[in-house]
Amino acid sequence: MSALDQEQRKRHELFTKDLLEKNLEIRELPDGYGFRFPNDSLLSTALSEWATLEQLCCPFLTLTLELHRNQGPTWLKLTGENGVKEFLRAELGI
């Protein structure tokens, strides 16, 4: 988290708490986790900003934001190498 300044850190913490409460499903992936969210343009914007901040503090993660066609769900996937699933479980409480 030292990669973020104080304002970014506050914003990241608020986003993390708020966004995790809005997920509809958490799916375990072979190399991480996927989070399904409702299709909502404001939520997608917030997820994008969160992913940008997350990449600064955790550059070992691969973050994928999928916006599905026909008003389908939005998926945020957090993946990486060995140990990433354990890290995400500890950091995100999943």
C-alpha atoms as a PDB file:
ATOM      1  CA  MET A   1       0.000   0.000   0.000  1.00  0.00           C
ATOM      2  CA  SER A   2       3.016   2.329   0.168  1.00  0.00           C
ATOM      3  CA  ALA A   3       2.644   2.777  -3.607  1.00  0.00           C
ATOM      4  CA  LEU A   4      -0.513   4.814  -2.925  1.00  0.00           C
ATOM      5  CA  ASP A   5      -0.587   8.280  -1.439  1.00  0.00           C
ATOM      6  CA  GLN A   6      -2.895   8.985   1.501  1.00  0.00           C
ATOM      7  CA  GLU A   7      -5.830  10.104  -0.660  1.00  0.00           C
ATOM      8  CA  GLN A   8      -5.496   7.128  -3.004  1.00  0.00           C
ATOM      9  CA  ARG A   9      -5.294   4.754  -0.039  1.00  0.00           C
ATOM     10  CA  LYS A  10      -8.527   6.159   1.455  1.00  0.00           C
ATOM     11  CA  ARG A  11     -10.286   5.923  -1.904  1.00  0.00           C
ATOM     12  CA  HIS A  12      -9.036   2.357  -2.409  1.00  0.00           C
ATOM     13  CA  GLU A  13     -10.262   1.280   1.040  1.00  0.00           C
ATOM     14  CA  LEU A  14     -13.706   2.838   0.461  1.00  0.00           C
ATOM     15  CA  PHE A  15     -13.992   1.228  -2.970  1.00  0.00           C
ATOM     16  CA  THR A  16     -12.929  -2.166  -1.630  1.00  0.00           C
ATOM     17  CA  LYS A  17     -15.545  -2.184   1.115  1.00  0.00           C
ATOM     18  CA  ASP A  18     -18.316  -0.774  -1.089  1.00  0.00           C
ATOM     19  CA  LEU A  19     -17.617  -2.926  -4.127  1.00  0.00           C
ATOM     20  CA  LEU A  20     -17.267  -6.209  -2.271  1.00  0.00           C
ATOM     21  CA  GLU A  21     -20.726  -5.667  -0.802  1.00  0.00           C
ATOM     22  CA  LYS A  22     -22.186  -5.279  -4.311  1.00  0.00           C
ATOM     23  CA  ASN A  23     -20.879  -8.487  -5.846  1.00  0.00           C
ATOM     24  CA  LEU A  24     -23.492 -11.061  -6.754  1.00  0.00           C
ATOM     25  CA  GLU A  25     -21.164 -14.041  -6.884  1.00  0.00           C
ATOM     26  CA  ILE A  26     -17.573 -14.990  -6.176  1.00  0.00           C
ATOM     27  CA  ARG A  27     -16.194 -17.722  -8.384  1.00  0.00           C
ATOM     28  CA  GLU A  28     -12.943 -19.514  -7.633  1.00  0.00           C
ATOM     29  CA  LEU A  29     -10.707 -19.690 -10.698  1.00  0.00           C
ATOM     30  CA  PRO A  30      -7.638 -21.912 -11.200  1.00  0.00           C
ATOM     31  CA  ASP A  31      -5.354 -18.913 -10.613  1.00  0.00           C
ATOM     32  CA  GLY A  32      -7.500 -16.471  -8.594  1.00  0.00           C
ATOM     33  CA  TYR A  33     -11.083 -15.322  -8.173  1.00  0.00           C
ATOM     34  CA  GLY A  34     -13.828 -13.796 -10.285  1.00  0.00           C
ATOM     35  CA  PHE A  35     -16.440 -11.405  -8.911  1.00  0.00           C
ATOM     36  CA  ARG A  36     -19.756 -10.977 -10.710  1.00  0.00           C
ATOM     37  CA  PHE A  37     -21.501  -7.621 -10.469  1.00  0.00           C
ATOM     38  CA  PRO A  38     -24.749  -6.277 -11.881  1.00  0.00           C
ATOM     39  CA  ASN A  39     -24.578  -4.377 -15.142  1.00  0.00           C
ATOM     40  CA  ASP A  40     -24.426  -0.742 -14.045  1.00  0.00           C
ATOM     41  CA  SER A  41     -22.394   2.020 -15.704  1.00  0.00           C
ATOM     42  CA  LEU A  42     -21.538   3.810 -12.441  1.00  0.00           C
ATOM     43  CA  LEU A  43     -20.458   0.537 -10.874  1.00  0.00           C
ATOM     44  CA  SER A  44     -18.318  -0.299 -13.913  1.00  0.00           C
ATOM     45  CA  THR A  45     -16.600   3.089 -13.619  1.00  0.00           C
ATOM     46  CA  ALA A  46     -15.927   2.493  -9.913  1.00  0.00           C
ATOM     47  CA  LEU A  47     -14.567  -0.996 -10.651  1.00  0.00           C
ATOM     48  CA  SER A  48     -12.241   0.462 -13.254  1.00  0.00           C
ATOM     49  CA  GLU A  49     -10.902   3.063 -10.831  1.00  0.00           C
ATOM     50  CA  TRP A  50     -10.504   0.436  -8.110  1.00  0.00           C
ATOM     51  CA  ALA A  51      -8.598  -1.831 -10.519  1.00  0.00           C
ATOM     52  CA  THR A  52      -6.242   1.034 -11.399  1.00  0.00           C
ATOM     53  CA  LEU A  53      -5.474   1.658  -7.723  1.00  0.00           C
ATOM     54  CA  GLU A  54      -5.173  -2.064  -7.017  1.00  0.00           C
ATOM     55  CA  GLN A  55      -2.624  -2.447  -9.821  1.00  0.00           C
ATOM     56  CA  LEU A  56      -0.459   0.244  -8.206  1.00  0.00           C
ATOM     57  CA  CYS A  57      -0.318  -1.501  -4.846  1.00  0.00           C
ATOM     58  CA  CYS A  58      -0.362  -5.095  -6.110  1.00  0.00           C
ATOM     59  CA  PRO A  59       1.476  -5.207  -9.465  1.00  0.00           C
ATOM     60  CA  PHE A  60       1.703  -9.017  -9.240  1.00  0.00           C
ATOM     61  CA  LEU A  61      -2.041  -9.294  -9.922  1.00  0.00           C
ATOM     62  CA  THR A  62      -3.647  -9.532 -13.337  1.00  0.00           C
ATOM     63  CA  LEU A  63      -6.941  -7.629 -13.242  1.00  0.00           C
ATOM     64  CA  THR A  64      -9.550  -8.234 -15.924  1.00  0.00           C
ATOM     65  CA  LEU A  65     -12.776  -6.263 -16.191  1.00  0.00           C
ATOM     66  CA  GLU A  66     -15.336  -7.887 -18.488  1.00  0.00           C
ATOM     67  CA  LEU A  67     -18.445  -6.000 -19.545  1.00  0.00           C
ATOM     68  CA  HIS A  68     -20.730  -8.518 -21.233  1.00  0.00           C
ATOM     69  CA  ARG A  69     -22.998  -7.819 -24.187  1.00  0.00           C
ATOM     70  CA  ASN A  70     -26.770  -7.431 -24.025  1.00  0.00           C
ATOM     71  CA  GLN A  71     -26.727  -5.896 -20.554  1.00  0.00           C
ATOM     72  CA  GLY A  72     -25.095  -9.017 -19.153  1.00  0.00           C
ATOM     73  CA  PRO A  73     -23.122  -9.063 -15.912  1.00  0.00           C
ATOM     74  CA  THR A  74     -19.814  -7.375 -15.241  1.00  0.00           C
ATOM     75  CA  TRP A  75     -16.973  -9.621 -14.104  1.00  0.00           C
ATOM     76  CA  LEU A  76     -13.856  -8.501 -12.282  1.00  0.00           C
ATOM     77  CA  LYS A  77     -11.202 -11.207 -12.291  1.00  0.00           C
ATOM     78  CA  LEU A  78      -8.141 -11.093 -10.049  1.00  0.00           C
ATOM     79  CA  THR A  79      -5.546 -13.651 -11.017  1.00  0.00           C
ATOM     80  CA  GLY A  80      -1.840 -14.325 -10.733  1.00  0.00           C
ATOM     81  CA  GLU A  81       0.846 -16.839  -9.965  1.00  0.00           C
ATOM     82  CA  ASN A  82       1.245 -19.226  -7.026  1.00  0.00           C
ATOM     83  CA  GLY A  83       0.066 -17.790  -3.722  1.00  0.00           C
ATOM     84  CA  VAL A  84      -2.368 -15.264  -5.227  1.00  0.00           C
ATOM     85  CA  LYS A  85      -5.487 -17.119  -4.102  1.00  0.00           C
ATOM     86  CA  GLU A  86      -4.248 -17.268  -0.523  1.00  0.00           C
ATOM     87  CA  PHE A  87      -3.328 -13.560  -0.668  1.00  0.00           C
ATOM     88  CA  LEU A  88      -6.797 -12.620  -2.001  1.00  0.00           C
ATOM     89  CA  ARG A  89      -8.565 -14.716   0.619  1.00  0.00           C
ATOM     90  CA  ALA A  90      -6.614 -12.954   3.366  1.00  0.00           C
ATOM     91  CA  GLU A  91      -6.866  -9.435   1.940  1.00  0.00           C
ATOM     92  CA  LEU A  92     -10.485  -9.566   0.817  1.00  0.00           C
ATOM     93  CA  GLY A  93     -11.855 -11.908   3.439  1.00  0.00           C
ATOM     94  CA  ILE A  94     -13.143 -14.522   0.998  1.00  0.00           C
END
